[in-house]
Amino acid sequence: MVIESVAKIVEDRPLCCIAAGATVQQACEVLDRENVGALPVLDGDRLVGLLCERDVICRAIGKHRAAEETAVSEIMTPDPKTVPRDASVATAMQTMIRGGFRHLPVMKRDEVVGVLSMRDIPTEYRVMFDRYEESRSARHTLEHVDACARPPRSADGSDQSILARR
């Protein structure tokens, strides 16, 4: 099955969000009830952050902050990177891999329409992406080796190694 865009992955899911002023305890209840790993954080209808399980662990529990007293806005990742709903899966995956995160809000203009998780992306796509990145890296290395192996050229473009042997 070919997935043409991020929208195809998230379009049939209900959107679960949390208000910036909600408590971490309330957010954890939503994460558990909805069986999701991240929640877009909204101020009204505006995306202001993303709260993921790792934020809860590292910024609340790990810092001995009371979940029932700590606001989501205090531990969320503010201004998260996003992807438009018509973006390719490769673009979304590249954004997550290069950014070092596993959840990505999906947008339709200024409106959050879903959250893409790295787990949502089929394994075959991840393997193809890894192989593509490896081949790019190998090509870059070969180009570098090739450039280093070439004899130096003079300003007029002549091969300096030939001139030196004469």
Foldseek 3Di string as FASTA:
>chain_A
DDDQWQCVLQVVDDAAAEEQFQFQVVVVVSCVVVVHFKHFYDDVQAGFFMDGPVLCVVVDVVVPHDRRPHGNNRRTGTPDAAEEGSHGPLVVVVCCVVVVHFKHFYDDVRGTRHIHGVVSDDPVVVVVSVVVVVVVVVVVVVVVVVVVPQADADPVGDRVVVVVVD
